[in-house]
Amino acid sequence: MSRTRIPVVAGWFTEDAAEEEFRLLGTRCSGCRTVHFPREDGHCRNPGCPGGELDEAPLSKRGTVWSCTDGRYRPPPPYVSDPDAPWVPCTLVAVELAAERMVVLGQGVPGAVVGDFPVGSVVEVVPGVLDEGPATDTVHTTWHWRPVAGAGVVA
């Protein structure tokens, strides 16, 4: 039986892409070149912008850890999780994307702990699963940050 894959938020990342092609999706203003994530489809959020068209912009695949912590509690709705299943702590990672001049928050890959994400270390975005509903054959997809082996810490 095929499982239905549903992105947690449609349009925020490439869907059904191979891992090496997976990207977060933002928008770039043609007027001021500001990149927005989450994406902005109405108007540029830069208050000094003269105005421009907003075009989809794949974000950098790699970035550096700006900060991280562990999530030891179940977030409230609309976070998707089975309230009857025991909560498994996850690592939350804030990643600086230098080219876009922004920090993006996301979960670390399953099984990773805070010690796997030293500040300044290089990580990459990969497709992830937030929740699987066995009764409904539904998989809620998202993104995860994964340490890049051998990349070390950026000074």
C-alpha atoms as a PDB file:
ATOM      1  CA  MET A   1       0.000   0.000   0.000  1.00  0.00           C
ATOM      2  CA  SER A   2       1.236   3.459  -0.879  1.00  0.00           C
ATOM      3  CA  ARG A   3       1.585   6.014   1.921  1.00  0.00           C
ATOM      4  CA  THR A   4       0.348   9.538   1.364  1.00  0.00           C
ATOM      5  CA  ARG A   5       3.175  12.076   1.834  1.00  0.00           C
ATOM      6  CA  ILE A   6       1.992  15.500   2.964  1.00  0.00           C
ATOM      7  CA  PRO A   7       4.401  18.412   3.468  1.00  0.00           C
ATOM      8  CA  VAL A   8       3.978  20.079   6.856  1.00  0.00           C
ATOM      9  CA  VAL A   9       3.786  23.416   5.035  1.00  0.00           C
ATOM     10  CA  ALA A  10       3.317  23.296   1.262  1.00  0.00           C
ATOM     11  CA  GLY A  11       5.784  25.352  -0.770  1.00  0.00           C
ATOM     12  CA  TRP A  12       8.440  25.644   1.941  1.00  0.00           C
ATOM     13  CA  PHE A  13      10.669  22.894   0.492  1.00  0.00           C
ATOM     14  CA  THR A  14      11.055  20.778  -2.608  1.00  0.00           C
ATOM     15  CA  GLU A  15       8.732  17.802  -2.572  1.00  0.00           C
ATOM     16  CA  ASP A  16       9.634  14.367  -3.910  1.00  0.00           C
ATOM     17  CA  ALA A  17      13.201  15.497  -4.684  1.00  0.00           C
ATOM     18  CA  ALA A  18      16.196  13.208  -4.279  1.00  0.00           C
ATOM     19  CA  GLU A  19      18.207  14.020  -1.144  1.00  0.00           C
ATOM     20  CA  GLU A  20      21.022  15.726  -3.070  1.00  0.00           C
ATOM     21  CA  GLU A  21      18.479  17.994  -4.815  1.00  0.00           C
ATOM     22  CA  PHE A  22      16.366  18.737  -1.718  1.00  0.00           C
ATOM     23  CA  ARG A  23      16.164  22.466  -0.844  1.00  0.00           C
ATOM     24  CA  LEU A  24      14.217  24.841   1.330  1.00  0.00           C
ATOM     25  CA  LEU A  25      12.279  27.285  -0.851  1.00  0.00           C
ATOM     26  CA  GLY A  26      12.092  30.990  -0.169  1.00  0.00           C
ATOM     27  CA  THR A  27      11.344  33.978  -2.324  1.00  0.00           C
ATOM     28  CA  ARG A  28      13.652  36.731  -3.599  1.00  0.00           C
ATOM     29  CA  CYS A  29      12.496  40.266  -4.295  1.00  0.00           C
ATOM     30  CA  SER A  30      13.520  41.541  -7.726  1.00  0.00           C
ATOM     31  CA  GLY A  31      13.614  45.121  -6.399  1.00  0.00           C
ATOM     32  CA  CYS A  32      15.964  44.843  -3.397  1.00  0.00           C
ATOM     33  CA  ARG A  33      17.185  41.205  -3.751  1.00  0.00           C
ATOM     34  CA  THR A  34      16.044  40.380  -0.177  1.00  0.00           C
ATOM     35  CA  VAL A  35      15.434  36.663   0.376  1.00  0.00           C
ATOM     36  CA  HIS A  36      12.469  35.633   2.517  1.00  0.00           C
ATOM     37  CA  PHE A  37      11.976  32.385   4.422  1.00  0.00           C
ATOM     38  CA  PRO A  38       9.375  31.371   5.100  1.00  0.00           C
ATOM     39  CA  ARG A  39       8.440  32.354   1.599  1.00  0.00           C
ATOM     40  CA  GLU A  40       6.501  35.563   0.995  1.00  0.00           C
ATOM     41  CA  ASP A  41       4.103  35.664  -1.919  1.00  0.00           C
ATOM     42  CA  GLY A  42       2.284  38.945  -1.253  1.00  0.00           C
ATOM     43  CA  HIS A  43       4.866  41.726  -0.916  1.00  0.00           C
ATOM     44  CA  CYS A  44       8.492  42.281   0.062  1.00  0.00           C
ATOM     45  CA  ARG A  45       8.903  42.494   3.855  1.00  0.00           C
ATOM     46  CA  ASN A  46      11.902  44.836   3.553  1.00  0.00           C
ATOM     47  CA  PRO A  47      10.570  48.243   4.708  1.00  0.00           C
ATOM     48  CA  GLY A  48      13.157  50.077   2.562  1.00  0.00           C
ATOM     49  CA  CYS A  49      12.302  48.209  -0.637  1.00  0.00           C
ATOM     50  CA  PRO A  50      11.111  50.184  -3.664  1.00  0.00           C
ATOM     51  CA  GLY A  51       8.978  47.176  -4.638  1.00  0.00           C
ATOM     52  CA  GLY A  52       9.477  44.268  -6.950  1.00  0.00           C
ATOM     53  CA  GLU A  53       8.289  40.860  -8.026  1.00  0.00           C
ATOM     54  CA  LEU A  54       8.766  37.921  -5.647  1.00  0.00           C
ATOM     55  CA  ASP A  55      10.289  34.897  -7.334  1.00  0.00           C
ATOM     56  CA  GLU A  56      10.811  31.458  -5.824  1.00  0.00           C
ATOM     57  CA  ALA A  57      14.407  31.009  -4.660  1.00  0.00           C
ATOM     58  CA  PRO A  58      15.942  27.700  -3.569  1.00  0.00           C
ATOM     59  CA  LEU A  59      18.030  28.357  -0.445  1.00  0.00           C
ATOM     60  CA  SER A  60      21.593  27.176   0.171  1.00  0.00           C
ATOM     61  CA  LYS A  61      21.861  23.469   0.936  1.00  0.00           C
ATOM     62  CA  ARG A  62      24.593  24.046   3.544  1.00  0.00           C
ATOM     63  CA  GLY A  63      25.039  26.471   6.400  1.00  0.00           C
ATOM     64  CA  THR A  64      26.757  26.824   9.770  1.00  0.00           C
ATOM     65  CA  VAL A  65      25.256  26.154  13.174  1.00  0.00           C
ATOM     66  CA  TRP A  66      24.373  29.431  14.859  1.00  0.00           C
ATOM     67  CA  SER A  67      22.825  27.801  17.951  1.00  0.00           C
ATOM     68  CA  CYS A  68      21.047  24.630  19.041  1.00  0.00           C
ATOM     69  CA  THR A  69      19.095  23.146  21.937  1.00  0.00           C
ATOM     70  CA  ASP A  70      17.090  20.066  22.756  1.00  0.00           C
ATOM     71  CA  GLY A  71      13.307  19.973  22.664  1.00  0.00           C
ATOM     72  CA  ARG A  72      12.249  17.948  25.672  1.00  0.00           C
ATOM     73  CA  TYR A  73       8.536  18.748  25.540  1.00  0.00           C
ATOM     74  CA  ARG A  74       5.785  18.065  23.023  1.00  0.00           C
ATOM     75  CA  PRO A  75       4.955  21.322  21.202  1.00  0.00           C
ATOM     76  CA  PRO A  76       1.268  22.297  21.144  1.00  0.00           C
ATOM     77  CA  PRO A  77      -0.898  22.178  18.001  1.00  0.00           C
ATOM     78  CA  PRO A  78      -0.602  22.873  15.157  1.00  0.00           C
ATOM     79  CA  TYR A  79       2.578  20.786  15.633  1.00  0.00           C
ATOM     80  CA  VAL A  80       1.768  17.354  14.208  1.00  0.00           C
ATOM     81  CA  SER A  81       2.312  14.414  16.555  1.00  0.00           C
ATOM     82  CA  ASP A  82       0.412  11.499  18.023  1.00  0.00           C
ATOM     83  CA  PRO A  83      -0.663  12.581  21.526  1.00  0.00           C
ATOM     84  CA  ASP A  84      -0.860   8.932  22.612  1.00  0.00           C
ATOM     85  CA  ALA A  85       2.730   8.131  21.603  1.00  0.00           C
ATOM     86  CA  PRO A  86       5.539   8.872  24.065  1.00  0.00           C
ATOM     87  CA  TRP A  87       7.389  12.103  23.261  1.00  0.00           C
ATOM     88  CA  VAL A  88      10.912  11.584  21.939  1.00  0.00           C
ATOM     89  CA  PRO A  89      13.145  14.645  22.476  1.00  0.00           C
ATOM     90  CA  CYS A  90      14.610  16.178  19.346  1.00  0.00           C
ATOM     91  CA  THR A  91      17.451  18.584  18.662  1.00  0.00           C
ATOM     92  CA  LEU A  92      16.488  22.039  17.379  1.00  0.00           C
ATOM     93  CA  VAL A  93      19.135  23.726  15.251  1.00  0.00           C
ATOM     94  CA  ALA A  94      19.401  27.364  14.130  1.00  0.00           C
ATOM     95  CA  VAL A  95      21.493  27.467  10.939  1.00  0.00           C
ATOM     96  CA  GLU A  96      23.024  30.552   9.357  1.00  0.00           C
ATOM     97  CA  LEU A  97      22.803  30.630   5.564  1.00  0.00           C
ATOM     98  CA  ALA A  98      25.572  33.054   4.614  1.00  0.00           C
ATOM     99  CA  ALA A  99      24.493  33.677   1.010  1.00  0.00           C
ATOM    100  CA  GLU A 100      20.924  34.534   2.068  1.00  0.00           C
ATOM    101  CA  ARG A 101      22.034  36.432   5.210  1.00  0.00           C
ATOM    102  CA  MET A 102      19.502  34.652   7.421  1.00  0.00           C
ATOM    103  CA  VAL A 103      19.124  32.051  10.157  1.00  0.00           C
ATOM    104  CA  VAL A 104      16.705  29.145   9.634  1.00  0.00           C
ATOM    105  CA  LEU A 105      15.435  26.933  12.453  1.00  0.00           C
ATOM    106  CA  GLY A 106      14.756  23.230  12.046  1.00  0.00           C
ATOM    107  CA  GLN A 107      15.113  19.856  13.690  1.00  0.00           C
ATOM    108  CA  GLY A 108      18.306  17.868  13.604  1.00  0.00           C
ATOM    109  CA  VAL A 109      18.182  14.453  11.969  1.00  0.00           C
ATOM    110  CA  PRO A 110      16.607  11.729  14.130  1.00  0.00           C
ATOM    111  CA  GLY A 111      19.005  10.377  16.723  1.00  0.00           C
ATOM    112  CA  ALA A 112      21.254  13.447  16.677  1.00  0.00           C
ATOM    113  CA  VAL A 113      21.954  15.213  19.966  1.00  0.00           C
ATOM    114  CA  VAL A 114      23.035  18.761  20.814  1.00  0.00           C
ATOM    115  CA  GLY A 115      26.694  17.653  20.932  1.00  0.00           C
ATOM    116  CA  ASP A 116      26.498  16.722  17.229  1.00  0.00           C
ATOM    117  CA  PHE A 117      25.916  20.409  16.355  1.00  0.00           C
ATOM    118  CA  PRO A 118      28.739  22.565  17.767  1.00  0.00           C
ATOM    119  CA  VAL A 119      28.340  26.264  17.003  1.00  0.00           C
ATOM    120  CA  GLY A 120      30.137  27.016  13.731  1.00  0.00           C
ATOM    121  CA  SER A 121      29.940  23.451  12.408  1.00  0.00           C
ATOM    122  CA  VAL A 122      28.726  22.830   8.859  1.00  0.00           C
ATOM    123  CA  VAL A 123      25.322  21.201   8.325  1.00  0.00           C
ATOM    124  CA  GLU A 124      23.165  20.434   5.319  1.00  0.00           C
ATOM    125  CA  VAL A 125      19.423  20.335   4.823  1.00  0.00           C
ATOM    126  CA  VAL A 126      17.871  16.948   4.057  1.00  0.00           C
ATOM    127  CA  PRO A 127      14.294  15.694   3.670  1.00  0.00           C
ATOM    128  CA  GLY A 128      12.723  14.500   6.886  1.00  0.00           C
ATOM    129  CA  VAL A 129       9.633  13.010   8.455  1.00  0.00           C
ATOM    130  CA  LEU A 130       7.820  14.865  11.206  1.00  0.00           C
ATOM    131  CA  ASP A 131       5.132  12.300  11.903  1.00  0.00           C
ATOM    132  CA  GLU A 132       3.752   9.055  10.522  1.00  0.00           C
ATOM    133  CA  GLY A 133       0.102   8.174  10.975  1.00  0.00           C
ATOM    134  CA  PRO A 134      -0.064   4.375  10.724  1.00  0.00           C
ATOM    135  CA  ALA A 135      -3.858   4.358  10.985  1.00  0.00           C
ATOM    136  CA  THR A 136      -4.198   6.764   8.052  1.00  0.00           C
ATOM    137  CA  ASP A 137      -1.097   5.763   6.055  1.00  0.00           C
ATOM    138  CA  THR A 138      -0.080   9.426   6.127  1.00  0.00           C
ATOM    139  CA  VAL A 139       3.493  10.717   6.391  1.00  0.00           C
ATOM    140  CA  HIS A 140       3.972  14.411   7.258  1.00  0.00           C
ATOM    141  CA  THR A 141       7.223  15.548   5.643  1.00  0.00           C
ATOM    142  CA  THR A 142       9.553  18.360   6.687  1.00  0.00           C
ATOM    143  CA  TRP A 143      13.275  19.175   6.636  1.00  0.00           C
ATOM    144  CA  HIS A 144      16.097  18.222   8.973  1.00  0.00           C
ATOM    145  CA  TRP A 145      19.618  19.528   9.491  1.00  0.00           C
ATOM    146  CA  ARG A 146      22.409  16.931   9.282  1.00  0.00           C
ATOM    147  CA  PRO A 147      26.063  17.432  10.262  1.00  0.00           C
ATOM    148  CA  VAL A 148      28.436  17.288   7.293  1.00  0.00           C
ATOM    149  CA  ALA A 149      31.062  14.656   8.052  1.00  0.00           C
ATOM    150  CA  GLY A 150      34.621  15.983   8.030  1.00  0.00           C
ATOM    151  CA  ALA A 151      33.598  19.627   7.524  1.00  0.00           C
ATOM    152  CA  GLY A 152      34.681  20.729  11.021  1.00  0.00           C
ATOM    153  CA  VAL A 153      33.954  24.110  12.546  1.00  0.00           C
ATOM    154  CA  VAL A 154      34.038  27.323  10.492  1.00  0.00           C
ATOM    155  CA  ALA A 155      36.095  30.010  12.221  1.00  0.00           C
END
